Amino acid sequence: MADPKGFLKHGRQVATRRVVEERVQDWNEVYPDGIGRALLPIIGPQASRCMDCGIPFCHQGCPLGNIIPEWNDLVWRDDWEGAIERLHATNNFPEFTGRLCPAPCETACVLGINQDPVTIKNVEVSIIDRAWESGNVRPQPPEWLSGKTVAVIGSGPAGLATAQQLTRAGHTVAVYERADKIGGLLRYGIPEFKMEKKHLDRRLDQMKREGTVFRAGVDVGAELTGPQLVERYDAVVLAMGATKARDLPAPGRELGGIHQAMEFLPQANRSSLGQEVADQILATDKDVVIIGGGDTGADCLGTSIRQGARTITQLEIMPQPPETRPGSQPWPTYPMTFRVSSAHEEAGDRVFAVSTQEFLGDESGNVSALRIVEVDAKFQPIEGTEREIPAQLVLFAMGFTGPEQEGLVDQLGVDLDARGNVVRDESYASSVPGVFVAGDVGRGQSLIVWAIAEGRAAAAAVDTYLTGSSTLPVPIKPHERPLGV
């Protein structure tokens, strides 16, 4: 363990972000010189706060089963090479999770019962950022090839984790992505100020050096059909995510200026990376209303700020969560508390417990305002609380209802559950022999740590299917779930 008295000596500290006035003028990460560098002066004492708690509930809180106390101890002892070895043993992409995961491990930390928990996520990202700078992240090509081929459909975190594990096991893996570049939502869904794409690109370079083949710009299900995939490859892994966005069919929905978040964010990301975007949806000089209070809504908020929106209002139908853990969500569950992202620090109003009744338009057919109403605990309108708020741009950030079924899913004929997700068994196998499922396409919309964990577990199942056995680790099974996550 780390310092036995560390949690008594040191309070919780997190990385200091750049001042708001500076960071909203660019698209760079909100931390000076990157979060890893920002953390280095404080990370040793923070790692020393990890207790010898006997039963590390942080393991239970993490779908990946990260060996958190061990790498905290190694960081405190200044053994950074040992720390990255422990971290990579369970997590293929800690530079992604260290920036994007909501850290259910921290809410499960034993220290968090009556104090502030260990800054697990900050320690994690410090380890990987330092490892990249020190040259301790190297390609791990297989020692031999199995002669078996695997197609992975989708290049988000689930698909990339599946591909890396299977490549290292000796199989020939091709990752298909319909966008022009590899990365899925990591590439075009996550704004640059949350994760600069250099972190994704250098990991992809490592995977290429290991032997993974990437095929971007291929719409599987159209130019390459499901039957062709099954015939061409020894195994197929579906990892396309849950990309069917939830809609809001209120009166006036047909007006111009109303868009899904995943229409708005990819365009903004392409533009921030220097790509030309025709007919880009812009928040510049507009009153922006974002419907949905989660991470995607916060991404729309930060993006709208940087585009120069006049006003920004974020609406949420749920009541405002409490500041501290409610009694109905006891430790070590993941509590629904009031959280403030970096974007929320920058600008905008957050309005809770309201529902949109109608979109109002102007003479040109574009949205000009929303009529909203406050709702009670059962989401029923409260009489006399109706009001209008101006809006020339409305963004839906209400989550996703499942995978797209048209095309590949229909062509393969895989079974679906009542929610429209692809059914898989405990071995991540679909109802079609040789076709496996990983991530949101089978689980439904979830966390990045679940995507990576499922990718790793699905890879072990595919390896067993192809060779009869596997030495790849199996972090979780589909029916298993840490409390509250």
Protein backbone atom coordinates (compact mmCIF):
# COMPACT_ATOMS: atom_id res chain seq x y z
CA MET A 1 0.00 0.00 0.00
CA ALA A 2 0.97 3.65 -0.12
CA ASP A 3 1.70 5.82 2.95
CA PRO A 4 -0.31 4.32 5.87
CA LYS A 5 -1.02 7.84 7.11
CA GLY A 6 -1.40 9.50 3.72
CA PHE A 7 -5.14 10.01 4.02
CA LEU A 8 -4.53 11.76 7.37
CA LYS A 9 -1.78 14.03 6.03
CA HIS A 10 -3.32 15.15 2.75
CA GLY A 11 -6.70 16.39 1.63
CA ARG A 12 -8.12 15.70 -1.81
CA GLN A 13 -6.66 17.82 -4.62
CA VAL A 14 -7.51 17.71 -8.31
CA ALA A 15 -5.83 19.20 -11.35
CA THR A 16 -6.21 22.95 -11.78
CA ARG A 17 -7.95 23.96 -14.98
CA ARG A 18 -7.02 26.95 -17.10
CA VAL A 19 -8.95 30.11 -16.31
CA VAL A 20 -12.30 30.28 -18.08
CA GLU A 21 -11.51 33.49 -19.95
CA GLU A 22 -8.50 31.81 -21.56
CA ARG A 23 -9.78 28.35 -22.35
CA VAL A 24 -13.04 29.38 -24.05
CA GLN A 25 -10.94 31.14 -26.70
CA ASP A 26 -9.54 27.85 -28.05
CA TRP A 27 -10.35 24.16 -28.48
CA ASN A 28 -7.43 22.77 -26.48
CA GLU A 29 -7.89 20.66 -23.35
CA VAL A 30 -8.99 22.72 -20.36
CA TYR A 31 -5.84 21.84 -18.42
CA PRO A 32 -2.51 23.67 -18.87
CA ASP A 33 -0.12 21.53 -20.96
CA GLY A 34 -2.54 18.60 -20.58
CA ILE A 35 -3.98 17.11 -17.43
CA GLY A 36 -1.03 14.76 -16.81
CA ARG A 37 1.46 17.62 -16.55
CA ALA A 38 -0.96 19.69 -14.50
CA LEU A 39 -1.16 16.89 -11.95
CA LEU A 40 2.52 16.01 -11.51
CA PRO A 41 3.22 18.39 -8.58
CA ILE A 42 0.41 16.92 -6.47
CA ILE A 43 -0.04 13.37 -7.69
CA GLY A 44 2.39 11.63 -5.31
CA PRO A 45 0.66 12.89 -2.15
CA GLN A 46 -2.73 12.15 -3.73
CA ALA A 47 -1.76 8.56 -4.49
CA SER A 48 -0.53 8.21 -0.89
CA ARG A 49 -4.11 8.79 0.33
CA CYS A 50 -5.05 5.29 -0.88
CA MET A 51 -5.76 3.28 2.30
CA ASP A 52 -4.94 -0.27 3.26
CA CYS A 53 -8.69 -0.87 3.32
CA GLY A 54 -8.60 -4.67 3.26
CA ILE A 55 -11.36 -5.03 0.69
CA PRO A 56 -10.77 -2.46 -2.10
CA PHE A 57 -14.30 -1.54 -3.14
CA CYS A 58 -12.85 0.58 -5.91
CA HIS A 59 -12.40 -2.73 -7.75
CA GLN A 60 -16.12 -3.38 -7.40
CA GLY A 61 -16.92 0.09 -8.70
CA CYS A 62 -14.84 -0.33 -11.86
CA PRO A 63 -16.17 -2.56 -14.69
CA LEU A 64 -12.57 -3.06 -15.84
CA GLY A 65 -11.46 -4.36 -12.45
CA ASN A 66 -8.52 -1.94 -12.38
CA ILE A 67 -5.94 -2.87 -9.74
CA ILE A 68 -6.18 0.59 -8.24
CA PRO A 69 -4.43 0.21 -4.85
CA GLU A 70 -1.38 -1.35 -6.49
CA TRP A 71 -0.77 1.43 -8.97
CA ASN A 72 -1.47 4.06 -6.34
CA ASP A 73 1.27 2.49 -4.23
CA LEU A 74 3.67 2.33 -7.18
CA VAL A 75 3.10 6.02 -8.02
CA TRP A 76 3.73 6.99 -4.40
CA ARG A 77 7.01 5.01 -4.55
CA ASP A 78 7.91 6.78 -7.81
CA ASP A 79 7.83 3.48 -9.76
CA TRP A 80 6.07 4.81 -12.84
CA GLU A 81 7.10 1.92 -15.09
CA GLY A 82 5.59 -0.56 -12.65
CA ALA A 83 2.47 1.59 -12.39
CA ILE A 84 1.79 1.61 -16.14
CA GLU A 85 2.34 -2.16 -16.27
CA ARG A 86 -0.35 -2.65 -13.60
CA LEU A 87 -2.69 -0.17 -15.29
CA HIS A 88 -2.35 -1.69 -18.75
CA ALA A 89 -2.98 -5.15 -17.30
CA THR A 90 -6.68 -4.30 -17.06
CA ASN A 91 -7.22 -1.23 -19.26
CA ASN A 92 -6.14 -0.88 -22.88
CA PHE A 93 -6.80 2.86 -23.05
CA PRO A 94 -6.32 4.67 -19.72
CA GLU A 95 -5.68 7.95 -21.56
CA PHE A 96 -9.34 7.77 -22.68
CA THR A 97 -10.90 6.67 -19.40
CA GLY A 98 -8.70 9.05 -17.38
CA ARG A 99 -10.27 11.93 -19.29
CA LEU A 100 -13.79 10.72 -20.07
CA CYS A 101 -14.93 8.22 -17.43
CA PRO A 102 -17.24 9.51 -14.64
CA ALA A 103 -15.12 7.51 -12.17
CA PRO A 104 -17.53 5.12 -10.42
CA CYS A 105 -14.39 3.77 -8.72
CA GLU A 106 -14.13 7.00 -6.71
CA THR A 107 -17.68 6.84 -5.39
CA ALA A 108 -16.91 3.26 -4.27
CA CYS A 109 -13.65 4.28 -2.52
CA VAL A 110 -13.66 3.22 1.16
CA LEU A 111 -12.15 6.57 2.14
CA GLY A 112 -15.22 8.17 0.59
CA ILE A 113 -17.48 6.80 3.33
CA ASN A 114 -16.71 9.76 5.57
CA GLN A 115 -14.05 11.79 3.68
CA ASP A 116 -13.30 12.89 0.14
CA PRO A 117 -12.28 9.83 -1.91
CA VAL A 118 -8.91 9.22 -3.51
CA THR A 119 -8.40 11.01 -6.83
CA ILE A 120 -8.22 7.69 -8.67
CA LYS A 121 -9.02 9.11 -12.11
CA ASN A 122 -6.33 11.78 -11.79
CA VAL A 123 -3.70 9.24 -10.75
CA GLU A 124 -4.69 7.04 -13.69
CA VAL A 125 -4.27 9.76 -16.32
CA SER A 126 -0.96 10.86 -14.78
CA ILE A 127 0.40 7.33 -15.11
CA ILE A 128 -0.48 6.97 -18.78
CA ASP A 129 0.54 10.49 -19.82
CA ARG A 130 3.93 10.03 -18.15
CA ALA A 131 4.28 6.59 -19.74
CA TRP A 132 3.79 8.04 -23.21
CA GLU A 133 6.35 10.78 -22.54
CA SER A 134 8.84 8.26 -21.11
CA GLY A 135 8.53 5.80 -24.00
CA ASN A 136 6.97 3.12 -21.79
CA VAL A 137 4.04 2.53 -24.16
CA ARG A 138 5.34 0.29 -26.88
CA PRO A 139 3.73 -1.93 -29.54
CA GLN A 140 3.13 -5.52 -28.45
CA PRO A 141 2.93 -7.52 -31.70
CA PRO A 142 2.05 -11.22 -31.39
CA GLU A 143 4.84 -13.79 -31.35
CA TRP A 144 2.94 -15.98 -33.82
CA LEU A 145 -0.12 -15.78 -36.08
CA SER A 146 -3.08 -18.10 -35.71
CA GLY A 147 -4.18 -17.93 -39.33
CA LYS A 148 -7.65 -16.86 -38.18
CA THR A 149 -9.31 -13.66 -39.34
CA VAL A 150 -11.71 -11.38 -37.44
CA ALA A 151 -13.76 -8.39 -38.58
CA VAL A 152 -14.61 -5.79 -35.93
CA ILE A 153 -17.42 -3.45 -36.98
CA GLY A 154 -17.08 -0.08 -35.25
CA SER A 155 -13.97 1.74 -34.03
CA GLY A 156 -15.16 3.20 -30.75
CA PRO A 157 -13.69 2.05 -27.42
CA ALA A 158 -15.40 -1.36 -27.51
CA GLY A 159 -14.24 -2.12 -31.04
CA LEU A 160 -10.69 -0.88 -30.43
CA ALA A 161 -10.34 -2.90 -27.22
CA THR A 162 -11.63 -6.02 -28.96
CA ALA A 163 -9.26 -5.50 -31.87
CA GLN A 164 -6.16 -4.87 -29.77
CA GLN A 165 -6.71 -7.94 -27.61
CA LEU A 166 -7.37 -10.24 -30.57
CA THR A 167 -4.40 -8.87 -32.53
CA ARG A 168 -2.12 -9.54 -29.58
CA ALA A 169 -3.54 -13.07 -29.39
CA GLY A 170 -2.25 -13.67 -32.92
CA HIS A 171 -5.36 -13.24 -35.04
CA THR A 172 -5.54 -11.06 -38.14
CA VAL A 173 -8.01 -8.29 -37.29
CA ALA A 174 -9.63 -5.71 -39.55
CA VAL A 175 -11.57 -2.83 -37.96
CA TYR A 176 -14.27 -1.27 -40.13
CA GLU A 177 -15.50 2.31 -39.60
CA ARG A 178 -18.03 4.17 -41.76
CA ALA A 179 -16.62 7.62 -40.93
CA ASP A 180 -13.61 8.92 -42.83
CA LYS A 181 -11.29 8.37 -39.85
CA ILE A 182 -10.99 5.72 -37.15
CA GLY A 183 -12.19 6.42 -33.62
CA GLY A 184 -16.00 6.41 -33.59
CA LEU A 185 -17.41 8.90 -31.08
CA LEU A 186 -13.91 9.26 -29.60
CA ARG A 187 -12.99 10.99 -32.85
CA TYR A 188 -16.02 13.08 -33.75
CA GLY A 189 -18.32 12.90 -30.71
CA ILE A 190 -15.95 14.03 -27.95
CA PRO A 191 -14.92 17.71 -28.16
CA GLU A 192 -11.25 18.56 -28.35
CA PHE A 193 -11.43 20.46 -25.05
CA LYS A 194 -12.26 17.18 -23.27
CA MET A 195 -9.76 14.98 -25.10
CA GLU A 196 -7.38 16.16 -27.77
CA LYS A 197 -7.27 13.73 -30.67
CA LYS A 198 -3.51 13.34 -30.41
CA HIS A 199 -4.20 10.88 -27.59
CA LEU A 200 -6.36 8.78 -29.89
CA ASP A 201 -3.96 9.01 -32.84
CA ARG A 202 -0.89 7.78 -30.98
CA ARG A 203 -2.85 4.80 -29.60
CA LEU A 204 -4.03 3.95 -33.11
CA ASP A 205 -0.42 4.16 -34.30
CA GLN A 206 0.55 1.63 -31.62
CA MET A 207 -2.25 -0.70 -32.78
CA LYS A 208 -1.17 -0.41 -36.42
CA ARG A 209 2.38 -1.33 -35.42
CA GLU A 210 1.00 -4.37 -33.61
CA GLY A 211 -0.73 -5.50 -36.80
CA THR A 212 -4.34 -4.32 -36.54
CA VAL A 213 -5.72 -3.27 -39.93
CA PHE A 214 -8.01 -0.21 -40.07
CA ARG A 215 -10.50 0.34 -42.87
CA ALA A 216 -12.20 3.71 -42.55
CA GLY A 217 -14.85 5.08 -44.88
CA VAL A 218 -16.54 1.69 -45.32
CA ASP A 219 -20.30 1.57 -44.71
CA VAL A 220 -20.72 -2.03 -43.63
CA GLY A 221 -24.23 -3.12 -44.50
CA ALA A 222 -24.17 -1.18 -47.77
CA GLU A 223 -20.99 -1.63 -49.79
CA LEU A 224 -20.01 -4.68 -47.70
CA THR A 225 -22.96 -6.80 -46.59
CA GLY A 226 -23.47 -8.97 -43.53
CA PRO A 227 -23.43 -12.27 -45.47
CA GLN A 228 -20.20 -11.21 -47.20
CA LEU A 229 -18.59 -10.52 -43.82
CA VAL A 230 -19.58 -13.90 -42.41
CA GLU A 231 -18.25 -15.64 -45.52
CA ARG A 232 -14.98 -13.69 -45.60
CA TYR A 233 -13.99 -13.83 -41.90
CA ASP A 234 -13.72 -16.58 -39.31
CA ALA A 235 -15.48 -14.37 -36.75
CA VAL A 236 -17.31 -11.05 -36.75
CA VAL A 237 -17.65 -8.70 -33.76
CA LEU A 238 -20.43 -6.11 -33.75
CA ALA A 239 -19.26 -3.01 -31.86
CA MET A 240 -21.16 -0.24 -33.63
CA GLY A 241 -22.53 1.37 -30.49
CA ALA A 242 -26.05 2.61 -29.76
CA THR A 243 -26.39 5.45 -32.24
CA LYS A 244 -30.17 5.75 -32.63
CA ALA A 245 -30.80 9.12 -30.96
CA ARG A 246 -33.88 9.75 -28.82
CA ASP A 247 -36.21 12.31 -30.39
CA LEU A 248 -38.79 14.75 -28.97
CA PRO A 249 -41.94 14.76 -31.14
CA ALA A 250 -43.47 17.94 -29.70
CA PRO A 251 -45.49 20.37 -31.84
CA GLY A 252 -43.15 22.39 -34.05
CA ARG A 253 -40.50 19.65 -34.27
CA GLU A 254 -40.34 20.16 -38.04
CA LEU A 255 -39.00 23.72 -37.71
CA GLY A 256 -35.52 24.57 -38.91
CA GLY A 257 -32.75 24.97 -36.35
CA ILE A 258 -33.66 21.85 -34.32
CA HIS A 259 -30.94 19.19 -34.42
CA GLN A 260 -29.66 16.11 -32.68
CA ALA A 261 -26.45 16.60 -30.69
CA MET A 262 -24.71 14.08 -32.95
CA GLU A 263 -25.47 16.27 -35.94
CA PHE A 264 -23.97 19.30 -34.22
CA LEU A 265 -20.95 17.88 -32.37
CA PRO A 266 -19.25 15.95 -35.22
CA GLN A 267 -19.37 19.03 -37.42
CA ALA A 268 -17.90 21.19 -34.66
CA ASN A 269 -15.16 18.64 -34.01
CA ARG A 270 -14.22 18.47 -37.67
CA SER A 271 -14.11 22.27 -37.84
CA SER A 272 -11.97 22.55 -34.68
CA LEU A 273 -9.50 20.11 -36.26
CA GLY A 274 -9.17 22.31 -39.34
CA GLN A 275 -11.50 20.42 -41.67
CA GLU A 276 -13.91 22.26 -43.93
CA VAL A 277 -17.56 21.61 -43.09
CA ALA A 278 -20.24 22.54 -45.59
CA ASP A 279 -23.45 24.08 -44.17
CA GLN A 280 -22.14 23.75 -40.63
CA ILE A 281 -24.65 24.07 -37.78
CA LEU A 282 -23.35 26.98 -35.70
CA ALA A 283 -24.31 28.49 -32.36
CA THR A 284 -22.70 31.85 -33.17
CA ASP A 285 -24.80 34.83 -32.00
CA LYS A 286 -27.79 32.58 -31.25
CA ASP A 287 -29.88 31.77 -28.21
CA VAL A 288 -29.12 28.06 -27.78
CA VAL A 289 -31.31 25.61 -25.88
CA ILE A 290 -29.89 22.17 -25.07
CA ILE A 291 -32.45 19.55 -24.06
CA GLY A 292 -30.74 16.96 -21.87
CA GLY A 293 -28.56 17.38 -18.81
CA GLY A 294 -25.95 14.65 -19.25
CA ASP A 295 -22.41 14.55 -20.61
CA THR A 296 -23.52 15.02 -24.22
CA GLY A 297 -25.46 18.11 -23.20
CA ALA A 298 -22.36 19.46 -21.46
CA ASP A 299 -20.35 18.81 -24.64
CA CYS A 300 -22.92 20.82 -26.62
CA LEU A 301 -22.65 23.56 -23.99
CA GLY A 302 -18.87 23.86 -24.16
CA THR A 303 -18.95 23.77 -27.95
CA SER A 304 -21.65 26.47 -28.14
CA ILE A 305 -19.62 28.69 -25.82
CA ARG A 306 -16.57 28.42 -28.06
CA GLN A 307 -18.66 29.17 -31.14
CA GLY A 308 -19.86 32.42 -29.58
CA ALA A 309 -23.47 31.72 -28.63
CA ARG A 310 -25.42 34.69 -27.27
CA THR A 311 -27.16 32.74 -24.50
CA ILE A 312 -27.23 29.05 -23.60
CA THR A 313 -29.88 27.25 -21.57
CA GLN A 314 -29.66 23.56 -20.69
CA LEU A 315 -32.98 21.87 -19.83
CA GLU A 316 -33.44 18.70 -17.80
CA ILE A 317 -36.76 17.00 -17.00
CA MET A 318 -35.38 15.47 -13.81
CA PRO A 319 -35.24 17.55 -10.59
CA GLN A 320 -31.90 19.04 -9.58
CA PRO A 321 -29.89 16.31 -7.81
CA PRO A 322 -28.63 16.86 -4.26
CA GLU A 323 -25.11 18.15 -3.61
CA THR A 324 -24.23 15.10 -1.48
CA ARG A 325 -25.03 11.39 -1.64
CA PRO A 326 -28.72 10.78 -0.83
CA GLY A 327 -29.65 8.19 1.76
CA SER A 328 -31.44 6.13 -0.87
CA GLN A 329 -28.13 5.63 -2.73
CA PRO A 330 -25.72 4.46 -0.04
CA TRP A 331 -22.02 3.81 -0.45
CA PRO A 332 -20.61 2.10 -2.53
CA THR A 333 -23.28 2.67 -5.20
CA TYR A 334 -22.79 5.36 -7.84
CA PRO A 335 -24.97 8.24 -6.59
CA MET A 336 -26.97 10.72 -8.62
CA THR A 337 -25.54 13.98 -7.29
CA PHE A 338 -25.22 17.49 -8.70
CA ARG A 339 -22.10 17.51 -10.87
CA VAL A 340 -20.39 20.46 -12.51
CA SER A 341 -18.35 19.78 -15.65
CA SER A 342 -15.71 22.12 -17.01
CA ALA A 343 -18.27 23.44 -19.52
CA HIS A 344 -20.73 24.25 -16.73
CA GLU A 345 -18.06 26.42 -15.13
CA GLU A 346 -17.81 28.51 -18.29
CA ALA A 347 -21.30 29.82 -19.05
CA GLY A 348 -24.94 28.95 -19.48
CA ASP A 349 -28.02 28.37 -17.32
CA ARG A 350 -29.20 24.96 -16.10
CA VAL A 351 -32.94 24.55 -15.62
CA PHE A 352 -34.25 21.41 -13.92
CA ALA A 353 -37.69 19.80 -13.66
CA VAL A 354 -39.07 21.26 -16.89
CA SER A 355 -40.62 19.75 -20.00
CA THR A 356 -40.85 21.16 -23.52
CA GLN A 357 -44.45 21.61 -24.64
CA GLU A 358 -43.95 23.22 -28.02
CA PHE A 359 -41.39 24.62 -30.45
CA LEU A 360 -42.40 28.06 -31.74
CA GLY A 361 -41.29 29.33 -35.13
CA ASP A 362 -40.78 32.56 -37.04
CA GLU A 363 -42.05 33.55 -40.48
CA SER A 364 -39.13 31.83 -42.24
CA GLY A 365 -39.93 28.45 -40.70
CA ASN A 366 -37.09 28.40 -38.18
CA VAL A 367 -37.40 27.88 -34.46
CA SER A 368 -37.60 31.10 -32.46
CA ALA A 369 -38.61 29.97 -28.97
CA LEU A 370 -39.61 27.05 -26.75
CA ARG A 371 -42.69 26.86 -24.57
CA ILE A 372 -41.72 24.98 -21.43
CA VAL A 373 -43.52 24.03 -18.24
CA GLU A 374 -42.36 22.91 -14.82
CA VAL A 375 -43.15 19.31 -13.88
CA ASP A 376 -43.77 17.50 -10.61
CA ALA A 377 -42.12 14.34 -9.28
CA LYS A 378 -44.24 12.25 -11.68
CA PHE A 379 -43.25 14.49 -14.63
CA GLN A 380 -46.73 15.94 -14.85
CA PRO A 381 -47.10 19.62 -15.85
CA ILE A 382 -47.65 22.10 -13.03
CA GLU A 383 -50.44 24.47 -13.95
CA GLY A 384 -49.49 28.11 -14.20
CA THR A 385 -45.73 27.52 -14.70
CA GLU A 386 -45.65 27.77 -18.50
CA ARG A 387 -43.18 30.20 -20.01
CA GLU A 388 -41.30 30.84 -23.22
CA ILE A 389 -37.55 31.04 -23.74
CA PRO A 390 -35.91 32.34 -26.93
CA ALA A 391 -34.07 29.85 -29.13
CA GLN A 392 -32.70 29.99 -32.66
CA LEU A 393 -30.82 26.71 -32.17
CA VAL A 394 -32.18 23.70 -30.27
CA LEU A 395 -30.00 20.66 -29.62
CA PHE A 396 -31.33 17.28 -28.47
CA ALA A 397 -28.95 15.56 -26.04
CA MET A 398 -31.38 13.06 -24.56
CA GLY A 399 -29.39 9.88 -25.09
CA PHE A 400 -29.79 6.95 -27.44
CA THR A 401 -32.39 4.22 -27.76
CA GLY A 402 -30.22 1.46 -29.23
CA PRO A 403 -28.27 0.43 -32.32
CA GLU A 404 -29.34 1.17 -35.87
CA GLN A 405 -31.06 -1.95 -37.17
CA GLU A 406 -31.31 -1.07 -40.85
CA GLY A 407 -28.50 -2.56 -42.88
CA LEU A 408 -26.02 -4.84 -41.15
CA VAL A 409 -28.13 -5.92 -38.16
CA ASP A 410 -31.10 -6.81 -40.38
CA GLN A 411 -28.85 -8.54 -42.91
CA LEU A 412 -27.25 -10.77 -40.29
CA GLY A 413 -30.63 -11.69 -38.80
CA VAL A 414 -29.39 -11.55 -35.21
CA ASP A 415 -31.96 -11.69 -32.40
CA LEU A 416 -32.89 -8.43 -30.67
CA ASP A 417 -34.20 -7.83 -27.18
CA ALA A 418 -37.26 -5.75 -26.25
CA ARG A 419 -35.16 -2.57 -26.29
CA GLY A 420 -33.77 -3.23 -29.76
CA ASN A 421 -30.29 -4.23 -28.58
CA VAL A 422 -28.54 -7.25 -30.10
CA VAL A 423 -29.01 -10.28 -27.86
CA ARG A 424 -25.83 -12.04 -26.68
CA ASP A 425 -25.16 -14.87 -24.25
CA GLU A 426 -22.55 -15.06 -21.47
CA SER A 427 -19.89 -15.65 -24.12
CA TYR A 428 -20.86 -12.47 -26.01
CA ALA A 429 -22.13 -14.66 -28.86
CA SER A 430 -25.17 -13.52 -30.83
CA SER A 431 -27.83 -15.88 -32.17
CA VAL A 432 -25.81 -16.22 -35.40
CA PRO A 433 -22.80 -18.58 -35.18
CA GLY A 434 -19.49 -16.73 -35.42
CA VAL A 435 -21.02 -13.31 -34.77
CA PHE A 436 -20.21 -11.71 -31.41
CA VAL A 437 -21.37 -8.53 -29.70
CA ALA A 438 -19.46 -5.97 -27.59
CA GLY A 439 -20.36 -2.64 -26.04
CA ASP A 440 -23.43 -0.47 -26.44
CA VAL A 441 -24.81 -2.42 -29.41
CA GLY A 442 -25.68 -5.17 -26.92
CA ARG A 443 -25.78 -3.33 -23.59
CA GLY A 444 -27.45 -0.12 -24.69
CA GLN A 445 -26.05 3.35 -24.03
CA SER A 446 -23.46 3.10 -21.27
CA LEU A 447 -20.06 4.24 -20.00
CA ILE A 448 -16.69 4.14 -21.76
CA VAL A 449 -15.35 1.77 -19.09
CA TRP A 450 -18.14 -0.68 -19.89
CA ALA A 451 -17.29 -0.48 -23.58
CA ILE A 452 -13.62 -1.29 -23.00
CA ALA A 453 -14.42 -4.00 -20.48
CA GLU A 454 -16.87 -5.65 -22.84
CA GLY A 455 -14.41 -5.38 -25.70
CA ARG A 456 -11.77 -7.19 -23.65
CA ALA A 457 -14.23 -9.87 -22.52
CA ALA A 458 -15.64 -10.37 -26.02
CA ALA A 459 -12.09 -10.75 -27.37
CA ALA A 460 -11.45 -13.61 -24.94
CA ALA A 461 -14.69 -15.26 -26.05
CA VAL A 462 -13.78 -14.92 -29.74
CA ASP A 463 -10.28 -16.27 -29.05
CA THR A 464 -11.82 -19.31 -27.37
CA TYR A 465 -14.24 -19.78 -30.27
CA LEU A 466 -11.40 -19.71 -32.81
CA THR A 467 -8.78 -21.76 -30.96
CA GLY A 468 -10.59 -23.75 -28.29
CA SER A 469 -9.10 -21.85 -25.33
CA SER A 470 -7.79 -18.41 -24.41
CA THR A 471 -5.30 -16.78 -22.08
CA LEU A 472 -6.86 -13.35 -22.58
CA PRO A 473 -8.37 -11.87 -19.38
CA VAL A 474 -12.13 -11.77 -18.87
CA PRO A 475 -13.01 -8.69 -16.76
CA ILE A 476 -16.82 -9.01 -16.76
CA LYS A 477 -19.82 -10.78 -18.28
CA PRO A 478 -22.88 -9.04 -19.73
CA HIS A 479 -25.14 -9.78 -16.76
CA GLU A 480 -22.63 -8.52 -14.19
CA ARG A 481 -22.77 -4.88 -13.15
CA PRO A 482 -21.14 -2.88 -10.31
CA LEU A 483 -23.68 -1.44 -7.92
CA GLY A 484 -25.38 1.70 -9.18
CA VAL A 485 -23.51 1.89 -12.51
